[in-house]
Amino acid sequence: GFMALFPASFSIGIGQPQGLILLAMAVAVRL
């Protein structure tokens, strides 16, 4: 479902760092 979202694939395609920020938020939640 997440990969199907256009903003997710668009951010990857144009090389923006949203994925890194999302990972940091996920790490922060678990910490």
PDB file of all heavy atoms in Angstrom:
ATOM      1  N   GLY A   1       0.813  -1.210   0.000  1.00  0.00           N
ATOM      2  CA  GLY A   1       0.000   0.000   0.000  1.00  0.00           C
ATOM      3  C   GLY A   1       0.841   1.253   0.000  1.00  0.00           C
ATOM      4  O   GLY A   1       0.541   2.231  -0.695  1.00  0.00           O
ATOM      5  N   PHE A   2       1.928   1.211   0.759  1.00  0.00           N
ATOM      6  CA  PHE A   2       2.795   2.385   0.817  1.00  0.00           C
ATOM      7  C   PHE A   2       3.496   2.614  -0.513  1.00  0.00           C
ATOM      8  O   PHE A   2       3.580   3.742  -1.006  1.00  0.00           O
ATOM      9  CB  PHE A   2       3.821   2.202   1.935  1.00  0.00           C
ATOM     10  CG  PHE A   2       4.664   3.421   2.161  1.00  0.00           C
ATOM     11  CD1 PHE A   2       4.117   4.559   2.717  1.00  0.00           C
ATOM     12  CD2 PHE A   2       6.001   3.440   1.810  1.00  0.00           C
ATOM     13  CE1 PHE A   2       4.881   5.695   2.914  1.00  0.00           C
ATOM     14  CE2 PHE A   2       6.770   4.566   2.009  1.00  0.00           C
ATOM     15  CZ  PHE A   2       6.210   5.695   2.565  1.00  0.00           C
ATOM     16  N   MET A   3       4.015   1.532  -1.113  1.00  0.00           N
ATOM     17  CA  MET A   3       4.702   1.660  -2.393  1.00  0.00           C
ATOM     18  C   MET A   3       3.746   2.086  -3.510  1.00  0.00           C
ATOM     19  O   MET A   3       4.175   2.629  -4.522  1.00  0.00           O
ATOM     20  CB  MET A   3       5.369   0.329  -2.771  1.00  0.00           C
ATOM     21  CG  MET A   3       6.564  -0.011  -1.905  1.00  0.00           C
ATOM     22  SD  MET A   3       7.869   1.245  -2.039  1.00  0.00           S
ATOM     23  CE  MET A   3       9.163   0.483  -1.062  1.00  0.00           C
ATOM     24  N   ALA A   4       2.458   1.811  -3.320  1.00  0.00           N
ATOM     25  CA  ALA A   4       1.475   2.191  -4.330  1.00  0.00           C
ATOM     26  C   ALA A   4       1.174   3.683  -4.313  1.00  0.00           C
ATOM     27  O   ALA A   4       0.615   4.221  -5.277  1.00  0.00           O
ATOM     28  CB  ALA A   4       0.178   1.410  -4.126  1.00  0.00           C
ATOM     29  N   LEU A   5       1.522   4.345  -3.225  1.00  0.00           N
ATOM     30  CA  LEU A   5       1.254   5.781  -3.123  1.00  0.00           C
ATOM     31  C   LEU A   5       2.159   6.553  -4.077  1.00  0.00           C
ATOM     32  O   LEU A   5       3.381   6.376  -4.073  1.00  0.00           O
ATOM     33  CB  LEU A   5       1.485   6.270  -1.696  1.00  0.00           C
ATOM     34  CG  LEU A   5       0.495   5.782  -0.639  1.00  0.00           C
ATOM     35  CD1 LEU A   5       0.958   6.223   0.746  1.00  0.00           C
ATOM     36  CD2 LEU A   5      -0.897   6.310  -0.929  1.00  0.00           C
ATOM     37  N   PHE A   6       1.580   7.427  -4.869  1.00  0.00           N
ATOM     38  CA  PHE A   6       2.374   8.204  -5.818  1.00  0.00           C
ATOM     39  C   PHE A   6       3.428   9.065  -5.137  1.00  0.00           C
ATOM     40  O   PHE A   6       4.576   9.138  -5.620  1.00  0.00           O
ATOM     41  CB  PHE A   6       1.466   9.080  -6.677  1.00  0.00           C
ATOM     42  CG  PHE A   6       2.217   9.943  -7.647  1.00  0.00           C
ATOM     43  CD1 PHE A   6       2.749   9.410  -8.805  1.00  0.00           C
ATOM     44  CD2 PHE A   6       2.414  11.302  -7.395  1.00  0.00           C
ATOM     45  CE1 PHE A   6       3.458  10.193  -9.700  1.00  0.00           C
ATOM     46  CE2 PHE A   6       3.120  12.097  -8.269  1.00  0.00           C
ATOM     47  CZ  PHE A   6       3.639  11.544  -9.439  1.00  0.00           C
ATOM     48  N   PRO A   7       3.119   9.745  -4.013  1.00  0.00           N
ATOM     49  CA  PRO A   7       4.169  10.556  -3.375  1.00  0.00           C
ATOM     50  C   PRO A   7       5.396   9.751  -2.968  1.00  0.00           C
ATOM     51  O   PRO A   7       6.520  10.268  -3.027  1.00  0.00           O
ATOM     52  CB  PRO A   7       3.459  11.141  -2.141  1.00  0.00           C
ATOM     53  CG  PRO A   7       2.021  11.165  -2.512  1.00  0.00           C
ATOM     54  CD  PRO A   7       1.816   9.932  -3.347  1.00  0.00           C
ATOM     55  N   ALA A   8       5.211   8.491  -2.576  1.00  0.00           N
ATOM     56  CA  ALA A   8       6.352   7.667  -2.179  1.00  0.00           C
ATOM     57  C   ALA A   8       7.260   7.397  -3.368  1.00  0.00           C
ATOM     58  O   ALA A   8       8.478   7.596  -3.309  1.00  0.00           O
ATOM     59  CB  ALA A   8       5.873   6.357  -1.561  1.00  0.00           C
ATOM     60  N   SER A   9       6.673   6.915  -4.467  1.00  0.00           N
ATOM     61  CA  SER A   9       7.484   6.621  -5.644  1.00  0.00           C
ATOM     62  C   SER A   9       8.041   7.894  -6.265  1.00  0.00           C
ATOM     63  O   SER A   9       9.175   7.905  -6.772  1.00  0.00           O
ATOM     64  CB  SER A   9       6.660   5.843  -6.679  1.00  0.00           C
ATOM     65  OG  SER A   9       5.508   6.566  -7.059  1.00  0.00           O
ATOM     66  N   PHE A  10       7.280   8.979  -6.208  1.00  0.00           N
ATOM     67  CA  PHE A  10       7.757  10.245  -6.772  1.00  0.00           C
ATOM     68  C   PHE A  10       8.976  10.759  -6.016  1.00  0.00           C
ATOM     69  O   PHE A  10       9.956  11.208  -6.618  1.00  0.00           O
ATOM     70  CB  PHE A  10       6.636  11.285  -6.727  1.00  0.00           C
ATOM     71  CG  PHE A  10       7.017  12.611  -7.321  1.00  0.00           C
ATOM     72  CD1 PHE A  10       7.132  12.756  -8.698  1.00  0.00           C
ATOM     73  CD2 PHE A  10       7.269  13.710  -6.514  1.00  0.00           C
ATOM     74  CE1 PHE A  10       7.492  13.974  -9.256  1.00  0.00           C
ATOM     75  CE2 PHE A  10       7.625  14.928  -7.059  1.00  0.00           C
ATOM     76  CZ  PHE A  10       7.735  15.069  -8.440  1.00  0.00           C
ATOM     77  N   SER A  11       8.941  10.675  -4.678  1.00  0.00           N
ATOM     78  CA  SER A  11      10.077  11.164  -3.890  1.00  0.00           C
ATOM     79  C   SER A  11      11.326  10.341  -4.170  1.00  0.00           C
ATOM     80  O   SER A  11      12.442  10.875  -4.187  1.00  0.00           O
ATOM     81  CB  SER A  11       9.748  11.134  -2.393  1.00  0.00           C
ATOM     82  OG  SER A  11       9.658   9.800  -1.913  1.00  0.00           O
ATOM     83  N   ILE A  12      11.152   9.028  -4.413  1.00  0.00           N
ATOM     84  CA  ILE A  12      12.301   8.190  -4.762  1.00  0.00           C
ATOM     85  C   ILE A  12      12.810   8.550  -6.151  1.00  0.00           C
ATOM     86  O   ILE A  12      14.010   8.698  -6.376  1.00  0.00           O
ATOM     87  CB  ILE A  12      11.909   6.697  -4.703  1.00  0.00           C
ATOM     88  CG1 ILE A  12      11.592   6.287  -3.267  1.00  0.00           C
ATOM     89  CG2 ILE A  12      13.036   5.830  -5.258  1.00  0.00           C
ATOM     90  CD1 ILE A  12      11.002   4.908  -3.150  1.00  0.00           C
ATOM     91  N   GLY A  13      11.887   8.705  -7.090  1.00  0.00           N
ATOM     92  CA  GLY A  13      12.276   8.977  -8.470  1.00  0.00           C
ATOM     93  C   GLY A  13      13.042  10.268  -8.632  1.00  0.00           C
ATOM     94  O   GLY A  13      13.942  10.355  -9.478  1.00  0.00           O
ATOM     95  N   ILE A  14      12.714  11.283  -7.845  1.00  0.00           N
ATOM     96  CA  ILE A  14      13.430  12.554  -7.978  1.00  0.00           C
ATOM     97  C   ILE A  14      14.525  12.711  -6.922  1.00  0.00           C
ATOM     98  O   ILE A  14      15.122  13.769  -6.793  1.00  0.00           O
ATOM     99  CB  ILE A  14      12.467  13.758  -7.923  1.00  0.00           C
ATOM    100  CG1 ILE A  14      11.752  13.852  -6.572  1.00  0.00           C
ATOM    101  CG2 ILE A  14      11.468  13.691  -9.054  1.00  0.00           C
ATOM    102  CD1 ILE A  14      10.921  15.116  -6.429  1.00  0.00           C
ATOM    103  N   GLY A  15      14.769  11.635  -6.177  1.00  0.00           N
ATOM    104  CA  GLY A  15      15.938  11.608  -5.301  1.00  0.00           C
ATOM    105  C   GLY A  15      15.845  12.437  -4.044  1.00  0.00           C
ATOM    106  O   GLY A  15      16.869  12.791  -3.456  1.00  0.00           O
ATOM    107  N   GLN A  16      14.634  12.753  -3.590  1.00  0.00           N
ATOM    108  CA  GLN A  16      14.501  13.560  -2.376  1.00  0.00           C
ATOM    109  C   GLN A  16      14.585  12.683  -1.125  1.00  0.00           C
ATOM    110  O   GLN A  16      14.295  11.490  -1.179  1.00  0.00           O
ATOM    111  CB  GLN A  16      13.194  14.352  -2.407  1.00  0.00           C
ATOM    112  CG  GLN A  16      13.189  15.427  -3.465  1.00  0.00           C
ATOM    113  CD  GLN A  16      12.071  16.430  -3.278  1.00  0.00           C
ATOM    114  OE1 GLN A  16      11.192  16.268  -2.438  1.00  0.00           O
ATOM    115  NE2 GLN A  16      12.081  17.484  -4.075  1.00  0.00           N
ATOM    116  N   PRO A  17      14.962  13.273   0.023  1.00  0.00           N
ATOM    117  CA  PRO A  17      15.306  12.462   1.203  1.00  0.00           C
ATOM    118  C   PRO A  17      14.152  12.104   2.124  1.00  0.00           C
ATOM    119  O   PRO A  17      14.369  11.725   3.273  1.00  0.00           O
ATOM    120  CB  PRO A  17      16.295  13.369   1.934  1.00  0.00           C
ATOM    121  CG  PRO A  17      15.789  14.752   1.661  1.00  0.00           C
ATOM    122  CD  PRO A  17      15.280  14.701   0.229  1.00  0.00           C
ATOM    123  N   GLN A  18      12.900  12.203   1.636  1.00  0.00           N
ATOM    124  CA  GLN A  18      11.772  11.912   2.524  1.00  0.00           C
ATOM    125  C   GLN A  18      11.856  10.504   3.122  1.00  0.00           C
ATOM    126  O   GLN A  18      11.448  10.287   4.263  1.00  0.00           O
ATOM    127  CB  GLN A  18      10.444  12.072   1.761  1.00  0.00           C
ATOM    128  CG  GLN A  18      10.010  13.513   1.566  1.00  0.00           C
ATOM    129  CD  GLN A  18      10.531  14.109   0.279  1.00  0.00           C
ATOM    130  OE1 GLN A  18      11.637  13.804  -0.138  1.00  0.00           O
ATOM    131  NE2 GLN A  18       9.744  14.961  -0.358  1.00  0.00           N
ATOM    132  N   GLY A  19      12.347   9.536   2.346  1.00  0.00           N
ATOM    133  CA  GLY A  19      12.456   8.178   2.861  1.00  0.00           C
ATOM    134  C   GLY A  19      13.381   8.090   4.057  1.00  0.00           C
ATOM    135  O   GLY A  19      13.112   7.367   5.020  1.00  0.00           O
ATOM    136  N   LEU A  20      14.478   8.842   4.023  1.00  0.00           N
ATOM    137  CA  LEU A  20      15.411   8.855   5.148  1.00  0.00           C
ATOM    138  C   LEU A  20      14.765   9.475   6.382  1.00  0.00           C
ATOM    139  O   LEU A  20      14.971   9.016   7.507  1.00  0.00           O
ATOM    140  CB  LEU A  20      16.670   9.631   4.774  1.00  0.00           C
ATOM    141  CG  LEU A  20      17.481   9.069   3.597  1.00  0.00           C
ATOM    142  CD1 LEU A  20      18.641   9.999   3.258  1.00  0.00           C
ATOM    143  CD2 LEU A  20      17.998   7.672   3.913  1.00  0.00           C
ATOM    144  N   ILE A  21      13.965  10.520   6.157  1.00  0.00           N
ATOM    145  CA  ILE A  21      13.293  11.180   7.274  1.00  0.00           C
ATOM    146  C   ILE A  21      12.222  10.264   7.868  1.00  0.00           C
ATOM    147  O   ILE A  21      12.055  10.178   9.090  1.00  0.00           O
ATOM    148  CB  ILE A  21      12.697  12.520   6.812  1.00  0.00           C
ATOM    149  CG1 ILE A  21      13.837  13.477   6.409  1.00  0.00           C
ATOM    150  CG2 ILE A  21      11.833  13.142   7.904  1.00  0.00           C
ATOM    151  CD1 ILE A  21      13.366  14.751   5.747  1.00  0.00           C
ATOM    152  N   LEU A  22      11.505   9.548   7.006  1.00  0.00           N
ATOM    153  CA  LEU A  22      10.502   8.609   7.499  1.00  0.00           C
ATOM    154  C   LEU A  22      11.162   7.504   8.323  1.00  0.00           C
ATOM    155  O   LEU A  22      10.650   7.108   9.377  1.00  0.00           O
ATOM    156  CB  LEU A  22       9.733   8.007   6.324  1.00  0.00           C
ATOM    157  CG  LEU A  22       8.629   7.016   6.694  1.00  0.00           C
ATOM    158  CD1 LEU A  22       7.552   7.691   7.543  1.00  0.00           C
ATOM    159  CD2 LEU A  22       7.998   6.416   5.436  1.00  0.00           C
ATOM    160  N   LEU A  23      12.296   7.012   7.859  1.00  0.00           N
ATOM    161  CA  LEU A  23      13.019   5.989   8.618  1.00  0.00           C
ATOM    162  C   LEU A  23      13.455   6.547   9.973  1.00  0.00           C
ATOM    163  O   LEU A  23      13.348   5.853  11.000  1.00  0.00           O
ATOM    164  CB  LEU A  23      14.237   5.514   7.832  1.00  0.00           C
ATOM    165  CG  LEU A  23      15.139   4.493   8.538  1.00  0.00           C
ATOM    166  CD1 LEU A  23      14.360   3.232   8.885  1.00  0.00           C
ATOM    167  CD2 LEU A  23      16.352   4.170   7.677  1.00  0.00           C
ATOM    168  N   ALA A  24      13.941   7.779   9.992  1.00  0.00           N
ATOM    169  CA  ALA A  24      14.353   8.393  11.259  1.00  0.00           C
ATOM    170  C   ALA A  24      13.168   8.515  12.218  1.00  0.00           C
ATOM    171  O   ALA A  24      13.303   8.280  13.428  1.00  0.00           O
ATOM    172  CB  ALA A  24      14.965   9.760  10.999  1.00  0.00           C
ATOM    173  N   MET A  25      11.990   8.867  11.688  1.00  0.00           N
ATOM    174  CA  MET A  25      10.803   8.961  12.535  1.00  0.00           C
ATOM    175  C   MET A  25      10.419   7.589  13.088  1.00  0.00           C
ATOM    176  O   MET A  25      10.038   7.466  14.260  1.00  0.00           O
ATOM    177  CB  MET A  25       9.641   9.568  11.742  1.00  0.00           C
ATOM    178  CG  MET A  25       9.824  11.029  11.401  1.00  0.00           C
ATOM    179  SD  MET A  25       8.429  11.713  10.454  1.00  0.00           S
ATOM    180  CE  MET A  25       7.116  11.640  11.673  1.00  0.00           C
ATOM    181  N   ALA A  26      10.540   6.545  12.247  1.00  0.00           N
ATOM    182  CA  ALA A  26      10.224   5.198  12.707  1.00  0.00           C
ATOM    183  C   ALA A  26      11.185   4.761  13.810  1.00  0.00           C
ATOM    184  O   ALA A  26      10.771   4.180  14.820  1.00  0.00           O
ATOM    185  CB  ALA A  26      10.288   4.222  11.524  1.00  0.00           C
ATOM    186  N   VAL A  27      12.466   5.046  13.623  1.00  0.00           N
ATOM    187  CA  VAL A  27      13.462   4.724  14.653  1.00  0.00           C
ATOM    188  C   VAL A  27      13.148   5.484  15.944  1.00  0.00           C
ATOM    189  O   VAL A  27      13.222   4.928  17.050  1.00  0.00           O
ATOM    190  CB  VAL A  27      14.878   5.060  14.157  1.00  0.00           C
ATOM    191  CG1 VAL A  27      15.896   4.968  15.295  1.00  0.00           C
ATOM    192  CG2 VAL A  27      15.284   4.123  13.026  1.00  0.00           C
ATOM    193  N   ALA A  28      12.777   6.761  15.809  1.00  0.00           N
ATOM    194  CA  ALA A  28      12.464   7.574  16.981  1.00  0.00           C
ATOM    195  C   ALA A  28      11.273   7.015  17.746  1.00  0.00           C
ATOM    196  O   ALA A  28      11.267   6.985  18.986  1.00  0.00           O
ATOM    197  CB  ALA A  28      12.196   9.017  16.554  1.00  0.00           C
ATOM    198  N   VAL A  29      10.260   6.564  17.012  1.00  0.00           N
ATOM    199  CA  VAL A  29       9.076   5.992  17.667  1.00  0.00           C
ATOM    200  C   VAL A  29       9.455   4.760  18.487  1.00  0.00           C
ATOM    201  O   VAL A  29       9.049   4.605  19.650  1.00  0.00           O
ATOM    202  CB  VAL A  29       8.007   5.633  16.611  1.00  0.00           C
ATOM    203  CG1 VAL A  29       6.916   4.753  17.226  1.00  0.00           C
ATOM    204  CG2 VAL A  29       7.392   6.896  16.031  1.00  0.00           C
ATOM    205  N   ARG A  30      10.242   3.875  17.895  1.00  0.00           N
ATOM    206  CA  ARG A  30      10.635   2.653  18.616  1.00  0.00           C
ATOM    207  C   ARG A  30      11.557   2.960  19.794  1.00  0.00           C
ATOM    208  O   ARG A  30      11.452   2.322  20.852  1.00  0.00           O
ATOM    209  CB  ARG A  30      11.308   1.680  17.643  1.00  0.00           C
ATOM    210  CG  ARG A  30      10.377   1.136  16.566  1.00  0.00           C
ATOM    211  CD  ARG A  30       9.125   0.565  17.179  1.00  0.00           C
ATOM    212  NE  ARG A  30       8.211   0.023  16.178  1.00  0.00           N
ATOM    213  CZ  ARG A  30       6.905  -0.007  16.314  1.00  0.00           C
ATOM    214  NH1 ARG A  30       6.338   0.477  17.423  1.00  0.00           N
ATOM    215  NH2 ARG A  30       6.137  -0.522  15.376  1.00  0.00           N
ATOM    216  N   LEU A  31      12.449   3.924  19.632  1.00  0.00           N
ATOM    217  CA  LEU A  31      13.328   4.304  20.743  1.00  0.00           C
ATOM    218  C   LEU A  31      12.521   4.883  21.900  1.00  0.00           C
ATOM    219  O   LEU A  31      12.779   4.586  23.071  1.00  0.00           O
ATOM    220  CB  LEU A  31      14.369   5.312  20.273  1.00  0.00           C
ATOM    221  CG  LEU A  31      15.518   4.768  19.427  1.00  0.00           C
ATOM    222  CD1 LEU A  31      16.339   5.904  18.852  1.00  0.00           C
ATOM    223  CD2 LEU A  31      16.408   3.852  20.267  1.00  0.00           C
TER     224      LEU A  31
END
